[in-house]
Amino acid sequence: MKFYPKSLVLFSFLIIFSGCFQTIEKQQDNVFRYNEASGVVSLDPAFAKDLPHIWVCNQLYNGLVALDEDMNVVPSIAKTWKIEDEGLTYTFYLRNDVLFHENEVFENGKRIVVANDFVYSFNRLTDPKLASPGSWIFNYVQKKDGKPDVLAIHDTILQIRLEKAFPAFIGLLTMTYAAVVPEEAIRASGNEFRRNPVGTGPFAFKYWNEGVKLVLRRNPDYFESTPDHQVPQLEAVAVSFLIDKQTAFMEFAKGSLDYMSGIDARYKDELLSRSGKLRSKYQKNIRLIRQPYMNTEYLGFFIGDSDKGQNFIKKLEVRKAINYSIDREKMLKYLRNNVGLPGHGGMIPFGMPGYDSMGVIGYRYDPAKARALINENQLNNIRLTITTTADYVDLIKFVQSQLNSVGFDAQIEVMPSATMREMRAKGQLDFFRASWVADYPDAENYLSLFFSRNKTPGGPNYTHYENKVFDSLYLKVLKETDSKKRFEIYRKMDSLMMQEAPVVVLYYDEVLRFVNNRISGMGSNPTNLLDLRKVKISLSE
């Protein structure tokens, strides 16, 4: 009889297990597969702070409300809700047919979600001992004994009280942080809940070999359905964790993965033409889904009070001339393969309610206007120093050439990200590249960058823009619960701010999704949320 080292036996077992799982995948062929290069360290929604964790947790959990593809807040576990007391009281009416995933922590293996589960989940999220990065979403909620003022009036009625009106609050509740979790599972697992998740989502936890593979299986008790079929239709979701993006791309190209989000510079030109279309050699097996993303890329001017720096930046004519000098369409075509939309509007990005759909708020390329402003105001050869990080040097070099072509003397200063963030917060950068990705799906998130009380270092107003009319509209919109009226005020604020040009909007980013042609029902939205509820796989014969 031969004896083998334990390491060899374990290695052999992993090979056998991997082979068996691959066989199951091939037999069923109803497994959605994608790679996550950044890795996943927790399956606890309280720590879902970035897309890799949000994507996985979105399959495992639900909250009171959710977002549809048009960024509207729609029912989830809450079937209806009402907002009263001038936006201070939110009352949610819950479904009575939502089950937690089957698990031994429940007396009968299963249990219906009740309002008290949300009270527990929200108290847990804001508990300092947990140190969740998502606790901030309840900053607007009134506190009782240090806990959020969340009350279970009935098993199916939940009430939340705010300290002050904040219309975007309902959007905060769509975030994964606000998902419901069962107290029994938390108590049973303790700190290991991250590896033993129990939720209500369309898929339930099955297997996780950290850094290698994560498997979720279809939840047969999922509460949503359509007239035509069950939800979800997939049998399983398998996530691999290949760190090298080039290797992951090759796996996707040969069909071993069903989905890839975003595009790496190393294979951008391989997949996309200069005009941004999928190259013909890939179209037989892959399709491209494009969607606006909640990210506005811009250049900012520090226009606040300062004895240092380039005081001419404070001249409106300089800022307008710079805005007219940049051919945003050309920039996107040659530097980004037309990924993104030209920044011809305000700060509110395309795809976000409140966006300037009429195209009248911002600036378009007009070098003649730029030169006229420069000549009329004797601004020739003024030196402009644009501060950026190494990742964006190519983009800023393009901007530099555009500014120099109309009569400015533009220079580039490159510094580390941490240094740039610190100096920008202290008002030590006159002209800088920046971007803003919304924390929550409401245009207020972008306009808060120009509210005078939010000036850095205490807030995100890096430009130190200040306008009394803008401030009054900002305070007014915080009390407006009618969404249509709120969007009108947002557009007015965006227009007012852009007339004073404290920023140069370069482009609005896009989500690129590359999907295997065997996949149908794959949607998208500006948050780049991975939603697999309606996804279907054309099974091979």
Protein backbone atom coordinates (compact mmCIF):
# COMPACT_ATOMS: atom_id res chain seq x y z
CA MET A 1 0.00 0.00 0.00
CA LYS A 2 1.32 3.41 -0.96
CA PHE A 3 1.07 6.49 1.21
CA TYR A 4 0.93 9.98 -0.31
CA PRO A 5 1.75 13.33 1.26
CA LYS A 6 -1.31 15.23 2.51
CA SER A 7 -0.52 18.15 0.21
CA LEU A 8 -0.61 15.82 -2.81
CA VAL A 9 -3.89 14.28 -1.70
CA LEU A 10 -5.41 17.76 -1.21
CA PHE A 11 -4.10 18.91 -4.58
CA SER A 12 -5.60 15.84 -6.25
CA PHE A 13 -8.92 16.44 -4.50
CA LEU A 14 -9.04 20.02 -5.73
CA ILE A 15 -8.34 18.88 -9.28
CA ILE A 16 -11.09 16.25 -9.03
CA PHE A 17 -13.53 18.73 -7.46
CA SER A 18 -12.74 21.35 -10.09
CA GLY A 19 -13.17 18.79 -12.83
CA CYS A 20 -16.50 17.61 -11.39
CA PHE A 21 -17.79 21.17 -11.15
CA GLN A 22 -16.76 21.89 -14.73
CA THR A 23 -18.58 18.73 -15.79
CA ILE A 24 -21.72 19.89 -13.97
CA GLU A 25 -21.45 23.27 -15.68
CA LYS A 26 -21.15 21.65 -19.09
CA GLN A 27 -24.00 19.24 -18.43
CA GLN A 28 -26.42 21.84 -17.17
CA ASP A 29 -25.04 24.68 -19.30
CA ASN A 30 -27.28 27.02 -17.34
CA VAL A 31 -24.56 28.61 -15.22
CA PHE A 32 -23.71 32.28 -15.65
CA ARG A 33 -19.94 32.76 -15.37
CA TYR A 34 -17.92 35.90 -14.89
CA ASN A 35 -14.52 36.88 -13.48
CA GLU A 36 -13.75 39.35 -10.71
CA ALA A 37 -10.11 40.41 -10.93
CA SER A 38 -10.32 42.63 -7.84
CA GLY A 39 -11.44 39.76 -5.63
CA VAL A 40 -14.13 39.50 -2.97
CA VAL A 41 -13.42 39.41 0.77
CA SER A 42 -16.91 39.54 2.27
CA LEU A 43 -20.45 38.49 1.37
CA ASP A 44 -21.92 40.72 4.09
CA PRO A 45 -23.95 43.58 2.52
CA ALA A 46 -22.80 45.92 5.29
CA PHE A 47 -19.37 45.87 3.60
CA ALA A 48 -20.50 46.09 -0.03
CA LYS A 49 -18.60 49.31 -0.72
CA ASP A 50 -17.44 48.70 -4.29
CA LEU A 51 -18.74 47.04 -7.47
CA PRO A 52 -17.13 43.60 -6.97
CA HIS A 53 -18.88 43.21 -3.61
CA ILE A 54 -22.09 44.98 -4.68
CA TRP A 55 -22.45 42.66 -7.69
CA VAL A 56 -22.26 39.50 -5.60
CA CYS A 57 -24.39 40.84 -2.75
CA ASN A 58 -27.05 42.00 -5.22
CA GLN A 59 -27.64 38.34 -6.09
CA LEU A 60 -27.91 37.36 -2.40
CA TYR A 61 -29.95 40.16 -0.83
CA ASN A 62 -32.85 42.57 -1.23
CA GLY A 63 -33.77 45.85 0.41
CA LEU A 64 -36.98 47.80 0.79
CA VAL A 65 -36.64 49.35 -2.66
CA ALA A 66 -34.52 49.00 -5.79
CA LEU A 67 -33.61 50.86 -8.98
CA ASP A 68 -34.87 50.02 -12.45
CA GLU A 69 -32.84 50.55 -15.60
CA ASP A 70 -34.08 54.14 -15.90
CA MET A 71 -32.89 55.03 -12.38
CA ASN A 72 -36.42 55.10 -10.96
CA VAL A 73 -36.93 53.83 -7.41
CA VAL A 74 -39.21 50.79 -7.60
CA PRO A 75 -40.64 48.31 -5.05
CA SER A 76 -38.67 45.34 -3.77
CA ILE A 77 -39.57 43.93 -0.33
CA ALA A 78 -41.63 47.09 0.22
CA LYS A 79 -44.56 46.93 -2.19
CA THR A 80 -45.61 50.56 -1.57
CA TRP A 81 -44.58 53.55 0.54
CA LYS A 82 -45.64 57.08 1.39
CA ILE A 83 -43.71 60.20 2.39
CA GLU A 84 -45.36 62.58 4.86
CA ASP A 85 -44.65 65.49 7.24
CA GLU A 86 -42.91 67.54 4.53
CA GLY A 87 -40.50 64.74 3.77
CA LEU A 88 -39.65 63.75 7.34
CA THR A 89 -41.64 60.50 7.68
CA TYR A 90 -41.30 57.48 5.38
CA THR A 91 -43.76 54.62 5.83
CA PHE A 92 -43.15 51.36 3.97
CA TYR A 93 -45.71 48.60 3.45
CA LEU A 94 -43.94 45.26 3.09
CA ARG A 95 -44.77 42.10 1.19
CA ASN A 96 -45.76 39.16 3.36
CA ASP A 97 -44.38 36.44 1.09
CA VAL A 98 -40.61 37.09 1.21
CA LEU A 99 -38.57 34.23 2.67
CA PHE A 100 -35.00 34.20 3.86
CA HIS A 101 -32.86 31.56 2.17
CA GLU A 102 -33.39 28.10 3.60
CA ASN A 103 -30.96 27.63 6.46
CA GLU A 104 -30.59 25.58 9.63
CA VAL A 105 -30.56 28.73 11.78
CA PHE A 106 -34.34 28.93 11.37
CA GLU A 107 -36.58 26.67 13.41
CA ASN A 108 -38.34 25.25 10.37
CA GLY A 109 -35.53 25.89 7.93
CA LYS A 110 -37.27 28.97 6.51
CA ARG A 111 -38.75 32.21 7.80
CA ILE A 112 -40.75 35.14 6.41
CA VAL A 113 -39.18 38.59 6.48
CA VAL A 114 -40.94 41.04 8.83
CA ALA A 115 -40.49 44.73 9.58
CA ASN A 116 -38.43 43.99 12.69
CA ASP A 117 -35.79 42.41 10.44
CA PHE A 118 -35.20 45.82 8.88
CA VAL A 119 -35.05 47.44 12.33
CA TYR A 120 -32.36 44.93 13.28
CA SER A 121 -30.48 45.30 9.98
CA PHE A 122 -30.42 49.11 10.12
CA ASN A 123 -29.36 49.16 13.78
CA ARG A 124 -26.60 46.69 12.96
CA LEU A 125 -25.42 48.77 9.99
CA THR A 126 -25.03 51.89 12.13
CA ASP A 127 -23.47 50.14 15.13
CA PRO A 128 -19.94 51.60 15.60
CA LYS A 129 -18.70 48.15 16.63
CA LEU A 130 -19.47 46.81 13.15
CA ALA A 131 -17.64 49.75 11.50
CA SER A 132 -19.59 49.42 8.26
CA PRO A 133 -18.50 51.86 5.52
CA GLY A 134 -22.20 52.20 4.68
CA SER A 135 -23.42 53.59 8.00
CA TRP A 136 -23.43 57.11 6.51
CA ILE A 137 -26.61 56.41 4.54
CA PHE A 138 -28.53 56.88 7.79
CA ASN A 139 -26.93 60.23 8.65
CA TYR A 140 -30.20 62.00 7.82
CA VAL A 141 -32.26 59.68 10.02
CA GLN A 142 -33.40 60.86 13.43
CA LYS A 143 -31.66 59.07 16.31
CA LYS A 144 -33.12 57.50 19.46
CA ASP A 145 -30.68 56.28 22.08
CA GLY A 146 -27.98 56.51 19.43
CA LYS A 147 -29.87 54.27 17.01
CA PRO A 148 -31.80 55.18 13.83
CA ASP A 149 -35.45 56.09 14.45
CA VAL A 150 -36.82 53.04 12.63
CA LEU A 151 -40.05 51.56 13.95
CA ALA A 152 -41.84 48.30 13.15
CA ILE A 153 -45.48 49.35 13.48
CA HIS A 154 -46.64 45.95 12.26
CA ASP A 155 -44.99 42.90 10.68
CA THR A 156 -45.65 44.52 7.31
CA ILE A 157 -45.34 48.24 8.20
CA LEU A 158 -42.02 50.00 8.75
CA GLN A 159 -41.57 53.68 9.55
CA ILE A 160 -38.42 55.82 9.31
CA ARG A 161 -38.15 59.37 10.66
CA LEU A 162 -35.61 61.89 9.32
CA GLU A 163 -34.01 64.76 11.23
CA LYS A 164 -34.45 67.02 8.20
CA ALA A 165 -35.97 66.57 4.79
CA PHE A 166 -33.73 64.93 2.21
CA PRO A 167 -35.56 63.80 -0.98
CA ALA A 168 -32.60 61.68 -2.10
CA PHE A 169 -33.04 59.48 0.99
CA ILE A 170 -35.28 57.01 -0.84
CA GLY A 171 -32.43 56.55 -3.32
CA LEU A 172 -30.01 55.76 -0.49
CA LEU A 173 -32.26 52.85 0.50
CA THR A 174 -31.64 51.24 -2.89
CA MET A 175 -27.99 50.74 -1.95
CA THR A 176 -26.81 47.26 -1.02
CA TYR A 177 -25.88 48.49 2.44
CA ALA A 178 -29.61 48.73 3.24
CA ALA A 179 -30.31 45.04 2.53
CA VAL A 180 -32.18 42.98 5.11
CA VAL A 181 -30.33 40.23 7.03
CA PRO A 182 -31.68 37.77 9.65
CA GLU A 183 -30.57 38.18 13.26
CA GLU A 184 -30.48 34.39 13.73
CA ALA A 185 -27.81 33.98 11.04
CA ILE A 186 -25.71 36.84 12.41
CA ARG A 187 -25.81 35.40 15.92
CA ALA A 188 -24.96 31.91 14.67
CA SER A 189 -22.05 33.01 12.47
CA GLY A 190 -20.73 36.09 14.25
CA ASN A 191 -17.80 37.55 12.34
CA GLU A 192 -18.01 34.63 9.91
CA PHE A 193 -21.30 35.86 8.44
CA ARG A 194 -19.12 37.19 5.64
CA ARG A 195 -18.60 33.55 4.63
CA ASN A 196 -22.04 32.25 5.57
CA PRO A 197 -24.48 34.72 4.06
CA VAL A 198 -28.24 34.34 4.40
CA GLY A 199 -30.42 36.74 2.44
CA THR A 200 -33.58 36.87 0.38
CA GLY A 201 -32.09 37.33 -3.09
CA PRO A 202 -32.61 35.38 -6.32
CA PHE A 203 -29.53 33.27 -5.56
CA ALA A 204 -28.33 31.61 -2.37
CA PHE A 205 -24.81 30.89 -1.19
CA LYS A 206 -23.43 27.45 -2.15
CA TYR A 207 -19.61 27.35 -2.16
CA TRP A 208 -16.63 29.69 -1.84
CA ASN A 209 -12.96 28.87 -2.19
CA GLU A 210 -11.56 32.33 -1.56
CA GLY A 211 -9.50 33.66 -4.42
CA VAL A 212 -10.48 30.71 -6.63
CA LYS A 213 -14.23 30.29 -7.15
CA LEU A 214 -17.56 31.39 -5.71
CA VAL A 215 -20.78 29.57 -6.53
CA LEU A 216 -24.36 30.73 -5.94
CA ARG A 217 -27.40 28.53 -6.64
CA ARG A 218 -30.91 29.51 -7.72
CA ASN A 219 -33.25 30.37 -4.86
CA PRO A 220 -36.42 28.28 -5.48
CA ASP A 221 -38.39 30.44 -3.02
CA TYR A 222 -37.61 33.78 -4.60
CA PHE A 223 -40.60 36.10 -4.30
CA GLU A 224 -40.51 37.78 -7.72
CA SER A 225 -41.90 36.26 -10.89
CA THR A 226 -43.19 37.16 -14.33
CA PRO A 227 -46.31 35.89 -16.15
CA ASP A 228 -44.07 33.88 -18.48
CA HIS A 229 -41.43 32.24 -16.30
CA GLN A 230 -39.89 31.82 -12.87
CA VAL A 231 -37.28 34.21 -11.50
CA PRO A 232 -34.41 33.62 -11.78
CA GLN A 233 -34.02 31.32 -14.78
CA LEU A 234 -30.35 30.60 -14.23
CA GLU A 235 -29.46 27.51 -12.24
CA ALA A 236 -26.29 29.01 -10.80
CA VAL A 237 -23.77 31.85 -10.89
CA ALA A 238 -20.05 31.03 -10.86
CA VAL A 239 -17.47 33.72 -10.14
CA SER A 240 -13.77 33.16 -10.82
CA PHE A 241 -10.98 35.38 -9.47
CA LEU A 242 -8.30 35.57 -12.15
CA ILE A 243 -6.12 38.52 -11.16
CA ASP A 244 -4.57 39.07 -14.58
CA LYS A 245 -7.08 40.93 -16.73
CA GLN A 246 -5.40 39.81 -19.94
CA THR A 247 -5.89 36.17 -18.96
CA ALA A 248 -9.52 36.88 -18.02
CA PHE A 249 -10.06 38.56 -21.38
CA MET A 250 -8.71 35.50 -23.19
CA GLU A 251 -11.08 33.28 -21.19
CA PHE A 252 -13.97 35.52 -22.14
CA ALA A 253 -12.94 35.61 -25.81
CA LYS A 254 -12.92 31.81 -26.05
CA GLY A 255 -16.32 31.50 -24.33
CA SER A 256 -15.28 30.28 -20.90
CA LEU A 257 -16.81 33.42 -19.36
CA ASP A 258 -20.19 34.91 -20.24
CA TYR A 259 -19.68 38.51 -19.27
CA MET A 260 -17.06 41.25 -18.97
CA SER A 261 -17.60 44.78 -17.72
CA GLY A 262 -15.38 47.66 -18.76
CA ILE A 263 -12.36 47.53 -20.99
CA ASP A 264 -8.65 47.52 -20.21
CA ALA A 265 -6.32 49.72 -22.24
CA ARG A 266 -4.31 46.63 -23.24
CA TYR A 267 -7.13 45.21 -25.34
CA LYS A 268 -9.24 48.31 -26.01
CA ASP A 269 -8.16 48.58 -29.64
CA GLU A 270 -8.44 44.81 -30.09
CA LEU A 271 -12.15 44.87 -29.21
CA LEU A 272 -13.28 48.32 -30.32
CA SER A 273 -12.91 50.30 -33.50
CA ARG A 274 -11.94 53.96 -33.35
CA SER A 275 -15.64 54.83 -33.53
CA GLY A 276 -16.34 52.66 -30.49
CA LYS A 277 -18.07 49.74 -32.20
CA LEU A 278 -17.33 46.08 -31.53
CA ARG A 279 -14.95 44.76 -34.18
CA SER A 280 -16.58 42.44 -36.71
CA LYS A 281 -14.47 39.39 -35.85
CA TYR A 282 -16.05 39.27 -32.37
CA GLN A 283 -19.66 39.97 -33.34
CA LYS A 284 -20.52 36.30 -33.97
CA ASN A 285 -19.94 35.37 -30.33
CA ILE A 286 -20.14 38.64 -28.40
CA ARG A 287 -22.38 41.68 -28.24
CA LEU A 288 -21.70 45.07 -26.71
CA ILE A 289 -24.14 46.86 -24.39
CA ARG A 290 -23.46 50.56 -23.82
CA GLN A 291 -25.05 52.52 -21.01
CA PRO A 292 -24.49 55.96 -19.44
CA TYR A 293 -22.56 55.78 -16.17
CA MET A 294 -22.99 58.04 -13.12
CA ASN A 295 -19.57 59.62 -13.60
CA THR A 296 -18.76 63.13 -14.79
CA GLU A 297 -15.14 63.83 -15.76
CA TYR A 298 -14.22 67.48 -15.52
CA LEU A 299 -11.58 70.17 -14.97
CA GLY A 300 -12.09 72.36 -11.92
CA PHE A 301 -11.03 75.93 -11.16
CA PHE A 302 -10.38 77.15 -7.63
CA ILE A 303 -12.23 80.48 -7.66
CA GLY A 304 -12.36 81.10 -3.92
CA ASP A 305 -10.47 83.73 -1.96
CA SER A 306 -6.72 83.15 -1.98
CA ASP A 307 -3.61 85.29 -2.04
CA LYS A 308 -1.73 82.56 -3.87
CA GLY A 309 -2.05 81.02 -7.28
CA GLN A 310 -3.27 82.23 -10.64
CA ASN A 311 -5.71 85.06 -9.90
CA PHE A 312 -6.71 85.34 -13.56
CA ILE A 313 -8.47 81.96 -13.14
CA LYS A 314 -11.07 83.99 -11.24
CA LYS A 315 -11.88 85.89 -14.44
CA LEU A 316 -15.04 84.50 -16.02
CA GLU A 317 -13.72 85.28 -19.51
CA VAL A 318 -10.72 82.97 -18.94
CA ARG A 319 -12.92 80.10 -17.75
CA LYS A 320 -15.34 80.51 -20.64
CA ALA A 321 -12.50 80.70 -23.19
CA ILE A 322 -11.10 77.43 -21.83
CA ASN A 323 -14.54 75.82 -22.09
CA TYR A 324 -14.86 76.85 -25.74
CA SER A 325 -11.30 75.70 -26.57
CA ILE A 326 -11.76 71.94 -26.14
CA ASP A 327 -13.06 69.64 -28.87
CA ARG A 328 -14.64 67.02 -26.64
CA GLU A 329 -15.86 64.87 -29.54
CA LYS A 330 -12.36 64.61 -31.00
CA MET A 331 -10.94 63.86 -27.56
CA LEU A 332 -13.33 60.93 -27.07
CA LYS A 333 -12.77 59.56 -30.56
CA TYR A 334 -8.97 59.45 -30.46
CA LEU A 335 -8.29 58.84 -26.78
CA ARG A 336 -11.24 56.72 -25.66
CA ASN A 337 -12.53 54.99 -28.81
CA ASN A 338 -15.72 57.01 -28.41
CA VAL A 339 -16.44 55.54 -24.98
CA GLY A 340 -18.41 58.24 -23.20
CA LEU A 341 -20.50 61.22 -24.25
CA PRO A 342 -19.09 64.72 -24.87
CA GLY A 343 -19.54 67.03 -21.89
CA HIS A 344 -21.73 69.60 -23.61
CA GLY A 345 -24.09 69.93 -20.64
CA GLY A 346 -23.69 70.63 -16.96
CA MET A 347 -22.40 68.48 -14.11
CA ILE A 348 -25.48 66.24 -14.02
CA PRO A 349 -24.50 63.32 -16.29
CA PHE A 350 -26.45 61.83 -19.14
CA GLY A 351 -28.78 59.12 -17.82
CA MET A 352 -29.45 60.91 -14.53
CA PRO A 353 -32.85 62.59 -14.05
CA GLY A 354 -32.23 66.33 -14.26
CA TYR A 355 -29.70 66.03 -17.11
CA ASP A 356 -29.72 68.80 -19.72
CA SER A 357 -31.44 66.78 -22.46
CA MET A 358 -31.97 69.93 -24.58
CA GLY A 359 -28.22 70.66 -24.72
CA VAL A 360 -28.50 74.32 -23.73
CA ILE A 361 -26.63 74.43 -20.41
CA GLY A 362 -23.00 73.80 -21.25
CA TYR A 363 -20.33 74.67 -23.82
CA ARG A 364 -19.40 73.33 -27.24
CA TYR A 365 -16.16 73.55 -29.17
CA ASP A 366 -15.90 77.04 -30.66
CA PRO A 367 -12.26 78.15 -31.06
CA ALA A 368 -13.35 81.41 -32.68
CA LYS A 369 -15.28 82.40 -29.54
CA ALA A 370 -12.32 81.35 -27.40
CA ARG A 371 -9.89 83.51 -29.39
CA ALA A 372 -12.30 86.45 -29.33
CA LEU A 373 -12.56 86.28 -25.53
CA ILE A 374 -8.78 86.05 -25.26
CA ASN A 375 -8.12 88.99 -27.59
CA GLU A 376 -10.89 91.23 -26.23
CA ASN A 377 -9.67 90.77 -22.66
CA GLN A 378 -5.93 90.77 -23.42
CA LEU A 379 -5.44 87.23 -22.16
CA ASN A 380 -2.85 86.10 -24.75
CA ASN A 381 -0.07 83.79 -23.54
CA ILE A 382 -1.44 83.56 -20.02
CA ARG A 383 0.19 80.55 -18.39
CA LEU A 384 -2.20 77.86 -17.18
CA THR A 385 -0.95 74.98 -15.06
CA ILE A 386 -3.22 71.93 -15.15
CA THR A 387 -2.66 69.47 -12.32
CA THR A 388 -3.37 65.79 -12.91
CA THR A 389 -2.29 62.28 -11.98
CA ALA A 390 -0.28 59.94 -14.20
CA ASP A 391 -3.37 57.96 -15.28
CA TYR A 392 -4.80 60.96 -17.09
CA VAL A 393 -1.71 62.51 -18.66
CA ASP A 394 -2.73 61.59 -22.23
CA LEU A 395 -6.11 63.24 -21.75
CA ILE A 396 -4.59 66.40 -20.26
CA LYS A 397 -1.96 66.57 -23.01
CA PHE A 398 -4.83 66.78 -25.48
CA VAL A 399 -6.40 69.58 -23.43
CA GLN A 400 -3.01 71.33 -23.29
CA SER A 401 -2.65 71.30 -27.09
CA GLN A 402 -6.20 72.62 -27.51
CA LEU A 403 -5.61 75.51 -25.10
CA ASN A 404 -2.28 76.41 -26.67
CA SER A 405 -3.84 76.45 -30.14
CA VAL A 406 -6.14 79.35 -29.18
CA GLY A 407 -3.48 81.46 -27.46
CA PHE A 408 -2.94 80.19 -23.92
CA ASP A 409 0.36 78.90 -22.54
CA ALA A 410 -0.79 75.67 -20.91
CA GLN A 411 1.54 73.52 -18.79
CA ILE A 412 0.98 70.18 -17.04
CA GLU A 413 1.86 69.26 -13.47
CA VAL A 414 1.71 65.55 -12.57
CA MET A 415 1.54 64.43 -8.95
CA PRO A 416 0.55 61.33 -6.93
CA SER A 417 -3.17 60.85 -6.29
CA ALA A 418 -2.90 61.24 -2.51
CA THR A 419 -0.93 64.49 -2.81
CA MET A 420 -3.35 65.87 -5.35
CA ARG A 421 -6.39 65.04 -3.21
CA GLU A 422 -4.84 66.76 -0.20
CA MET A 423 -3.83 69.90 -2.09
CA ARG A 424 -7.18 70.10 -3.87
CA ALA A 425 -9.01 69.86 -0.52
CA LYS A 426 -6.89 72.71 0.85
CA GLY A 427 -7.54 74.96 -2.15
CA GLN A 428 -3.91 74.82 -3.26
CA LEU A 429 -4.61 73.83 -6.88
CA ASP A 430 -5.92 76.48 -9.27
CA PHE A 431 -6.74 74.25 -12.25
CA PHE A 432 -7.12 70.49 -11.82
CA ARG A 433 -8.57 67.34 -13.35
CA ALA A 434 -11.28 65.62 -11.32
CA SER A 435 -14.25 63.28 -11.60
CA TRP A 436 -17.39 62.71 -9.61
CA VAL A 437 -19.09 59.32 -9.35
CA ALA A 438 -22.41 59.58 -7.54
CA ASP A 439 -22.69 57.90 -4.15
CA TYR A 440 -26.45 57.64 -4.64
CA PRO A 441 -28.77 57.95 -7.65
CA ASP A 442 -29.88 61.56 -7.33
CA ALA A 443 -28.64 64.71 -9.07
CA GLU A 444 -28.35 66.45 -5.70
CA ASN A 445 -25.14 64.45 -5.30
CA TYR A 446 -23.53 66.42 -8.16
CA LEU A 447 -24.96 69.83 -7.28
CA SER A 448 -23.79 69.54 -3.68
CA LEU A 449 -20.30 70.19 -5.11
CA PHE A 450 -21.30 73.84 -5.58
CA PHE A 451 -23.27 74.55 -2.38
CA SER A 452 -21.31 77.23 -0.50
CA ARG A 453 -21.60 75.48 2.88
CA ASN A 454 -19.86 72.45 1.36
CA LYS A 455 -16.58 74.22 0.67
CA THR A 456 -13.48 72.14 1.24
CA PRO A 457 -11.96 70.94 3.46
CA GLY A 458 -15.30 70.39 5.22
CA GLY A 459 -17.17 69.28 2.10
CA PRO A 460 -16.81 68.42 -1.60
CA ASN A 461 -16.98 71.98 -3.01
CA TYR A 462 -13.42 71.96 -4.40
CA THR A 463 -13.94 75.06 -6.56
CA HIS A 464 -15.27 77.19 -3.67
CA TYR A 465 -18.05 78.33 -5.98
CA GLU A 466 -20.56 80.54 -4.18
CA ASN A 467 -23.85 81.93 -5.44
CA LYS A 468 -26.74 83.05 -3.21
CA VAL A 469 -29.43 82.13 -5.74
CA PHE A 470 -27.89 78.68 -6.21
CA ASP A 471 -27.76 78.18 -2.43
CA SER A 472 -31.40 79.17 -2.00
CA LEU A 473 -32.47 76.74 -4.75
CA TYR A 474 -30.39 73.99 -3.13
CA LEU A 475 -32.15 74.50 0.21
CA LYS A 476 -35.51 74.64 -1.56
CA VAL A 477 -34.98 71.39 -3.45
CA LEU A 478 -34.17 69.53 -0.24
CA LYS A 479 -37.79 70.03 0.82
CA GLU A 480 -39.34 69.19 -2.56
CA THR A 481 -40.83 65.68 -2.58
CA ASP A 482 -42.39 65.93 -6.06
CA SER A 483 -39.76 64.37 -8.33
CA LYS A 484 -40.75 66.28 -11.48
CA LYS A 485 -40.54 69.62 -9.70
CA ARG A 486 -37.24 68.57 -8.14
CA PHE A 487 -35.73 67.71 -11.54
CA GLU A 488 -36.77 71.12 -12.89
CA ILE A 489 -34.98 72.83 -10.01
CA TYR A 490 -31.91 70.64 -10.58
CA ARG A 491 -31.71 71.76 -14.22
CA LYS A 492 -32.09 75.40 -13.20
CA MET A 493 -29.27 75.04 -10.65
CA ASP A 494 -27.02 73.26 -13.14
CA SER A 495 -27.60 76.01 -15.71
CA LEU A 496 -26.95 78.78 -13.21
CA MET A 497 -23.68 77.22 -12.10
CA MET A 498 -22.42 76.60 -15.65
CA GLN A 499 -23.03 80.25 -16.60
CA GLU A 500 -20.24 81.08 -14.14
CA ALA A 501 -18.11 78.16 -15.39
CA PRO A 502 -16.32 76.97 -12.24
CA VAL A 503 -15.72 73.73 -14.14
CA VAL A 504 -15.03 72.42 -17.63
CA VAL A 505 -17.15 69.31 -18.19
CA LEU A 506 -15.07 66.99 -20.38
CA TYR A 507 -17.29 63.93 -20.78
CA TYR A 508 -19.88 61.70 -19.18
CA ASP A 509 -18.60 58.18 -18.78
CA GLU A 510 -20.25 55.04 -20.11
CA VAL A 511 -20.60 51.48 -18.90
CA LEU A 512 -19.44 48.95 -21.47
CA ARG A 513 -20.76 45.42 -21.08
CA PHE A 514 -19.48 42.62 -23.27
CA VAL A 515 -21.85 39.65 -23.22
CA ASN A 516 -21.67 36.18 -24.76
CA ASN A 517 -24.37 35.83 -27.40
CA ARG A 518 -25.84 32.81 -25.60
CA ILE A 519 -27.00 35.25 -22.90
CA SER A 520 -30.29 37.15 -23.16
CA GLY A 521 -32.13 39.41 -20.73
CA MET A 522 -28.96 41.20 -19.65
CA GLY A 523 -29.85 44.81 -18.96
CA SER A 524 -27.82 47.69 -17.61
CA ASN A 525 -28.22 50.95 -15.74
CA PRO A 526 -26.07 53.99 -14.91
CA THR A 527 -24.96 52.47 -11.59
CA ASN A 528 -23.46 49.48 -13.47
CA LEU A 529 -25.36 47.13 -11.17
CA LEU A 530 -25.22 43.46 -12.11
CA ASP A 531 -28.81 42.18 -12.08
CA LEU A 532 -29.20 38.53 -13.10
CA ARG A 533 -32.86 38.03 -12.23
CA LYS A 534 -34.06 38.10 -15.84
CA VAL A 535 -30.98 36.65 -17.51
CA LYS A 536 -31.51 33.55 -19.61
CA ILE A 537 -29.03 31.23 -21.30
CA SER A 538 -29.73 29.61 -24.65
CA LEU A 539 -28.98 26.00 -23.77
CA SER A 540 -26.77 24.09 -26.17
CA GLU A 541 -28.13 20.86 -27.63
